[in-house]
Amino acid sequence: MPTPDPQRFARAWADAWNAHDVEAVLAHFHDDVVFTSPVAARVQPETGGVVHGKAALRAYWNAALPLIPDLHFEVLGVYAGESTLVLHYRNQGGGLVNEVLRFDNALVAEGHGTYLVEPD
């Protein structure tokens, strides 16, 4: 399956996050999306870091966003694969993150927030 235009998607995604507009971000996701993130595991421990469905993703992001009032993402690179985009970005704290997104009919069916692990 084809992916959406990588650069256009990355701009819209970053603009929505930087505006703290959860509904604009969610517009890119399937109703039955599966999303994993270590942040979800911290904010909503009962998820074990795995969020199922758009409604649960909305609840997670709406719970997390007030904890990060200065949230800001700077896209550093966009990588395209078959039905997959990887958005490499720097967050407000300077952390490096990759968002791995698998698409089905131009909507995100599966997403994974991955964070740089510094060497010991």
N, C-alpha and C. Protein backbone atom coordinates (compact mmCIF):
# COMPACT_ATOMS: atom_id res chain seq x y z
N MET A 1 0.83 -1.18 0.00
CA MET A 1 0.00 0.00 0.00
C MET A 1 0.87 1.24 0.00
N PRO A 2 0.47 2.24 -0.71
CA PRO A 2 1.26 3.46 -0.74
C PRO A 2 1.14 4.26 0.56
N THR A 3 2.13 5.05 0.80
CA THR A 3 2.11 5.95 1.94
C THR A 3 1.68 7.33 1.46
N PRO A 4 1.23 8.18 2.36
CA PRO A 4 0.96 9.57 1.96
C PRO A 4 2.27 10.26 1.59
N ASP A 5 2.16 11.42 0.99
CA ASP A 5 3.36 12.19 0.65
C ASP A 5 4.18 12.39 1.93
N PRO A 6 5.41 11.89 1.98
CA PRO A 6 6.18 11.89 3.23
C PRO A 6 6.41 13.29 3.82
N GLN A 7 6.85 14.22 3.01
CA GLN A 7 7.14 15.56 3.54
C GLN A 7 5.88 16.29 3.97
N ARG A 8 4.82 16.16 3.19
CA ARG A 8 3.55 16.81 3.54
C ARG A 8 3.01 16.22 4.84
N PHE A 9 3.07 14.90 4.95
CA PHE A 9 2.59 14.26 6.18
C PHE A 9 3.40 14.74 7.38
N ALA A 10 4.72 14.76 7.25
CA ALA A 10 5.59 15.16 8.36
C ALA A 10 5.30 16.59 8.80
N ARG A 11 5.10 17.48 7.83
CA ARG A 11 4.78 18.88 8.18
C ARG A 11 3.45 18.97 8.91
N ALA A 12 2.42 18.29 8.40
CA ALA A 12 1.11 18.34 9.03
C ALA A 12 1.16 17.74 10.43
N TRP A 13 1.89 16.64 10.58
CA TRP A 13 2.03 15.97 11.88
C TRP A 13 2.71 16.89 12.89
N ALA A 14 3.85 17.48 12.49
CA ALA A 14 4.59 18.37 13.39
C ALA A 14 3.77 19.63 13.71
N ASP A 15 3.12 20.19 12.70
CA ASP A 15 2.30 21.39 12.94
C ASP A 15 1.19 21.10 13.95
N ALA A 16 0.54 19.94 13.81
CA ALA A 16 -0.54 19.58 14.73
C ALA A 16 -0.01 19.41 16.15
N TRP A 17 1.11 18.69 16.28
CA TRP A 17 1.69 18.52 17.62
C TRP A 17 2.14 19.85 18.20
N ASN A 18 2.81 20.66 17.40
CA ASN A 18 3.32 21.93 17.92
C ASN A 18 2.20 22.90 18.29
N ALA A 19 1.02 22.71 17.71
CA ALA A 19 -0.17 23.49 18.08
C ALA A 19 -0.91 22.84 19.25
N HIS A 20 -0.41 21.68 19.70
CA HIS A 20 -1.03 20.92 20.79
C HIS A 20 -2.48 20.56 20.43
N ASP A 21 -2.69 20.23 19.16
CA ASP A 21 -4.01 19.92 18.62
C ASP A 21 -4.16 18.41 18.45
N VAL A 22 -4.58 17.75 19.51
CA VAL A 22 -4.69 16.29 19.52
C VAL A 22 -5.64 15.81 18.42
N GLU A 23 -6.74 16.50 18.20
CA GLU A 23 -7.69 16.06 17.18
C GLU A 23 -7.08 16.12 15.78
N ALA A 24 -6.25 17.12 15.51
CA ALA A 24 -5.58 17.20 14.20
C ALA A 24 -4.59 16.05 14.03
N VAL A 25 -3.90 15.67 15.09
CA VAL A 25 -3.00 14.52 15.01
C VAL A 25 -3.81 13.25 14.78
N LEU A 26 -4.88 13.08 15.54
CA LEU A 26 -5.70 11.88 15.45
C LEU A 26 -6.36 11.71 14.08
N ALA A 27 -6.53 12.80 13.35
CA ALA A 27 -7.15 12.72 12.02
C ALA A 27 -6.35 11.81 11.08
N HIS A 28 -5.08 11.56 11.40
CA HIS A 28 -4.21 10.72 10.57
C HIS A 28 -4.28 9.24 10.95
N PHE A 29 -5.09 8.88 11.96
CA PHE A 29 -5.06 7.54 12.51
C PHE A 29 -6.36 6.78 12.28
N HIS A 30 -6.24 5.46 12.04
CA HIS A 30 -7.39 4.56 11.96
C HIS A 30 -8.09 4.49 13.31
N ASP A 31 -9.38 4.19 13.29
CA ASP A 31 -10.12 4.02 14.53
C ASP A 31 -9.57 2.87 15.37
N ASP A 32 -9.05 1.83 14.71
CA ASP A 32 -8.55 0.66 15.43
C ASP A 32 -7.02 0.62 15.50
N VAL A 33 -6.39 1.77 15.49
CA VAL A 33 -4.93 1.89 15.55
C VAL A 33 -4.38 1.19 16.80
N VAL A 34 -3.16 0.71 16.67
CA VAL A 34 -2.39 0.21 17.81
C VAL A 34 -1.15 1.09 17.89
N PHE A 35 -0.88 1.65 19.07
CA PHE A 35 0.24 2.55 19.24
C PHE A 35 1.03 2.14 20.47
N THR A 36 2.36 2.07 20.32
CA THR A 36 3.21 1.71 21.46
C THR A 36 4.16 2.85 21.78
N SER A 37 4.42 3.02 23.08
CA SER A 37 5.34 4.07 23.51
C SER A 37 5.71 3.86 24.97
N PRO A 38 7.00 4.07 25.29
CA PRO A 38 7.37 4.02 26.69
C PRO A 38 6.76 5.17 27.49
N VAL A 39 6.41 6.25 26.83
CA VAL A 39 5.75 7.36 27.52
C VAL A 39 4.34 6.92 27.94
N ALA A 40 3.66 6.20 27.07
CA ALA A 40 2.33 5.68 27.43
C ALA A 40 2.44 4.79 28.66
N ALA A 41 3.49 4.01 28.73
CA ALA A 41 3.68 3.13 29.89
C ALA A 41 3.85 3.93 31.18
N ARG A 42 4.46 5.11 31.09
CA ARG A 42 4.64 5.96 32.27
C ARG A 42 3.36 6.72 32.62
N VAL A 43 2.71 7.29 31.60
CA VAL A 43 1.53 8.12 31.84
C VAL A 43 0.31 7.28 32.19
N GLN A 44 0.18 6.14 31.53
CA GLN A 44 -0.95 5.23 31.78
C GLN A 44 -0.39 3.82 31.96
N PRO A 45 0.15 3.55 33.15
CA PRO A 45 0.81 2.26 33.38
C PRO A 45 -0.06 1.05 33.06
N GLU A 46 -1.36 1.19 33.19
CA GLU A 46 -2.25 0.06 32.92
C GLU A 46 -2.21 -0.40 31.47
N THR A 47 -1.70 0.46 30.56
CA THR A 47 -1.60 0.08 29.15
C THR A 47 -0.41 -0.82 28.87
N GLY A 48 0.57 -0.81 29.76
CA GLY A 48 1.80 -1.54 29.48
C GLY A 48 2.54 -0.95 28.29
N GLY A 49 2.21 0.28 27.94
CA GLY A 49 2.86 0.95 26.82
C GLY A 49 2.22 0.66 25.47
N VAL A 50 1.10 -0.06 25.46
CA VAL A 50 0.39 -0.40 24.22
C VAL A 50 -1.02 0.18 24.30
N VAL A 51 -1.33 1.07 23.37
CA VAL A 51 -2.63 1.75 23.34
C VAL A 51 -3.41 1.21 22.15
N HIS A 52 -4.63 0.76 22.41
CA HIS A 52 -5.47 0.14 21.38
C HIS A 52 -6.66 1.04 21.04
N GLY A 53 -6.74 1.51 19.81
CA GLY A 53 -7.88 2.27 19.33
C GLY A 53 -7.71 3.76 19.46
N LYS A 54 -8.38 4.46 18.56
CA LYS A 54 -8.28 5.92 18.52
C LYS A 54 -8.82 6.58 19.79
N ALA A 55 -9.90 6.05 20.36
CA ALA A 55 -10.45 6.63 21.58
C ALA A 55 -9.44 6.53 22.73
N ALA A 56 -8.78 5.40 22.86
CA ALA A 56 -7.78 5.22 23.91
C ALA A 56 -6.55 6.09 23.64
N LEU A 57 -6.20 6.24 22.36
CA LEU A 57 -5.07 7.09 22.00
C LEU A 57 -5.38 8.55 22.35
N ARG A 58 -6.60 8.98 22.08
CA ARG A 58 -7.04 10.33 22.45
C ARG A 58 -6.91 10.53 23.96
N ALA A 59 -7.39 9.56 24.73
CA ALA A 59 -7.33 9.66 26.18
C ALA A 59 -5.88 9.74 26.67
N TYR A 60 -5.01 8.92 26.10
CA TYR A 60 -3.59 8.94 26.47
C TYR A 60 -2.98 10.30 26.15
N TRP A 61 -3.15 10.77 24.91
CA TRP A 61 -2.52 12.04 24.53
C TRP A 61 -3.10 13.21 25.31
N ASN A 62 -4.40 13.18 25.59
CA ASN A 62 -5.00 14.25 26.39
C ASN A 62 -4.52 14.21 27.84
N ALA A 63 -4.16 13.05 28.34
CA ALA A 63 -3.58 12.95 29.69
C ALA A 63 -2.13 13.38 29.70
N ALA A 64 -1.39 13.07 28.63
CA ALA A 64 0.04 13.36 28.58
C ALA A 64 0.34 14.83 28.26
N LEU A 65 -0.43 15.43 27.39
CA LEU A 65 -0.11 16.78 26.92
C LEU A 65 -0.02 17.81 28.04
N PRO A 66 -0.90 17.83 29.03
CA PRO A 66 -0.75 18.81 30.12
C PRO A 66 0.52 18.61 30.94
N LEU A 67 1.10 17.41 30.89
CA LEU A 67 2.34 17.15 31.62
C LEU A 67 3.55 17.72 30.91
N ILE A 68 3.36 18.10 29.63
CA ILE A 68 4.47 18.62 28.81
C ILE A 68 3.99 19.92 28.14
N PRO A 69 3.80 20.99 28.92
CA PRO A 69 3.22 22.21 28.34
C PRO A 69 4.09 22.87 27.28
N ASP A 70 5.40 22.58 27.29
CA ASP A 70 6.30 23.18 26.30
C ASP A 70 6.58 22.24 25.13
N LEU A 71 5.73 21.21 24.95
CA LEU A 71 5.94 20.23 23.89
C LEU A 71 6.17 20.93 22.55
N HIS A 72 7.24 20.50 21.88
CA HIS A 72 7.58 21.02 20.55
C HIS A 72 8.44 19.98 19.84
N PHE A 73 8.09 19.70 18.60
CA PHE A 73 8.83 18.73 17.81
C PHE A 73 9.46 19.41 16.61
N GLU A 74 10.74 19.11 16.38
CA GLU A 74 11.46 19.58 15.19
C GLU A 74 11.82 18.35 14.36
N VAL A 75 11.20 18.24 13.19
CA VAL A 75 11.47 17.09 12.32
C VAL A 75 12.87 17.23 11.73
N LEU A 76 13.70 16.21 11.93
CA LEU A 76 15.07 16.20 11.43
C LEU A 76 15.23 15.36 10.17
N GLY A 77 14.34 14.38 10.00
CA GLY A 77 14.42 13.52 8.82
C GLY A 77 13.13 12.74 8.66
N VAL A 78 12.84 12.42 7.42
CA VAL A 78 11.65 11.63 7.09
C VAL A 78 12.11 10.47 6.21
N TYR A 79 11.77 9.26 6.61
CA TYR A 79 12.19 8.06 5.90
C TYR A 79 10.94 7.34 5.41
N ALA A 80 10.94 6.98 4.13
CA ALA A 80 9.78 6.32 3.54
C ALA A 80 10.11 4.88 3.19
N GLY A 81 9.19 4.00 3.51
CA GLY A 81 9.27 2.60 3.12
C GLY A 81 7.95 2.22 2.48
N GLU A 82 7.76 0.95 2.27
CA GLU A 82 6.49 0.49 1.72
C GLU A 82 5.43 0.51 2.82
N SER A 83 4.45 1.37 2.68
CA SER A 83 3.38 1.54 3.65
C SER A 83 3.89 2.00 5.01
N THR A 84 5.08 2.57 5.05
CA THR A 84 5.70 2.96 6.31
C THR A 84 6.41 4.30 6.18
N LEU A 85 6.27 5.13 7.19
CA LEU A 85 7.08 6.34 7.33
C LEU A 85 7.74 6.31 8.70
N VAL A 86 8.96 6.82 8.75
CA VAL A 86 9.64 7.03 10.01
C VAL A 86 9.94 8.51 10.09
N LEU A 87 9.43 9.14 11.15
CA LEU A 87 9.68 10.56 11.39
C LEU A 87 10.73 10.65 12.49
N HIS A 88 11.87 11.20 12.14
CA HIS A 88 12.97 11.38 13.09
C HIS A 88 12.90 12.82 13.56
N TYR A 89 12.79 13.01 14.87
CA TYR A 89 12.63 14.39 15.36
C TYR A 89 13.31 14.59 16.70
N ARG A 90 13.46 15.87 17.01
CA ARG A 90 13.99 16.28 18.32
C ARG A 90 12.80 16.85 19.10
N ASN A 91 12.67 16.44 20.35
CA ASN A 91 11.57 16.96 21.16
C ASN A 91 12.02 18.18 21.97
N GLN A 92 11.11 18.76 22.72
CA GLN A 92 11.37 19.99 23.46
C GLN A 92 12.52 19.86 24.45
N GLY A 93 12.82 18.66 24.90
CA GLY A 93 13.92 18.46 25.84
C GLY A 93 15.24 18.12 25.17
N GLY A 94 15.25 18.15 23.84
CA GLY A 94 16.46 17.83 23.09
C GLY A 94 16.62 16.35 22.80
N GLY A 95 15.67 15.53 23.25
CA GLY A 95 15.73 14.09 23.01
C GLY A 95 15.46 13.75 21.56
N LEU A 96 16.13 12.71 21.08
CA LEU A 96 15.93 12.25 19.71
C LEU A 96 14.94 11.09 19.72
N VAL A 97 13.97 11.19 18.82
CA VAL A 97 12.86 10.24 18.78
C VAL A 97 12.61 9.84 17.33
N ASN A 98 12.21 8.60 17.14
CA ASN A 98 11.69 8.13 15.85
C ASN A 98 10.25 7.67 16.07
N GLU A 99 9.37 8.16 15.23
CA GLU A 99 7.99 7.69 15.21
C GLU A 99 7.89 6.79 13.99
N VAL A 100 7.62 5.52 14.21
CA VAL A 100 7.53 4.53 13.13
C VAL A 100 6.04 4.31 12.87
N LEU A 101 5.59 4.64 11.66
CA LEU A 101 4.17 4.63 11.34
C LEU A 101 3.90 3.70 10.16
N ARG A 102 3.03 2.73 10.36
CA ARG A 102 2.61 1.83 9.27
C ARG A 102 1.21 2.24 8.84
N PHE A 103 1.05 2.39 7.54
CA PHE A 103 -0.20 2.92 6.97
C PHE A 103 -1.05 1.83 6.34
N ASP A 104 -2.35 2.08 6.36
CA ASP A 104 -3.33 1.29 5.64
C ASP A 104 -4.31 2.30 5.04
N ASN A 105 -4.31 2.39 3.71
CA ASN A 105 -5.18 3.35 3.01
C ASN A 105 -4.99 4.78 3.51
N ALA A 106 -3.76 5.21 3.60
CA ALA A 106 -3.36 6.59 3.94
C ALA A 106 -3.61 6.98 5.39
N LEU A 107 -4.05 6.05 6.23
CA LEU A 107 -4.20 6.33 7.65
C LEU A 107 -3.25 5.43 8.43
N VAL A 108 -2.79 5.91 9.56
CA VAL A 108 -1.87 5.14 10.40
C VAL A 108 -2.65 4.01 11.08
N ALA A 109 -2.24 2.79 10.80
CA ALA A 109 -2.84 1.61 11.42
C ALA A 109 -2.05 1.17 12.64
N GLU A 110 -0.76 1.49 12.64
CA GLU A 110 0.13 1.07 13.73
C GLU A 110 1.23 2.11 13.86
N GLY A 111 1.51 2.50 15.10
CA GLY A 111 2.57 3.48 15.35
C GLY A 111 3.40 3.07 16.55
N HIS A 112 4.68 3.46 16.50
CA HIS A 112 5.60 3.13 17.59
C HIS A 112 6.49 4.34 17.87
N GLY A 113 6.40 4.86 19.08
CA GLY A 113 7.32 5.92 19.51
C GLY A 113 8.58 5.26 20.05
N THR A 114 9.73 5.59 19.47
CA THR A 114 11.00 5.00 19.89
C THR A 114 11.97 6.11 20.24
N TYR A 115 12.73 5.92 21.31
CA TYR A 115 13.58 6.96 21.86
C TYR A 115 15.04 6.52 21.87
N LEU A 116 15.92 7.45 21.56
CA LEU A 116 17.35 7.16 21.54
C LEU A 116 17.82 6.68 22.90
N VAL A 117 18.53 5.58 22.92
CA VAL A 117 19.12 5.04 24.13
C VAL A 117 20.59 5.43 24.13
N GLU A 118 20.98 6.20 25.10
CA GLU A 118 22.37 6.63 25.20
C GLU A 118 23.24 5.47 25.68
N PRO A 119 24.47 5.38 25.17
CA PRO A 119 25.37 4.32 25.64
C PRO A 119 25.69 4.49 27.11
N ASP A 120 25.92 3.37 27.77
CA ASP A 120 26.27 3.40 29.21
C ASP A 120 27.64 4.02 29.41
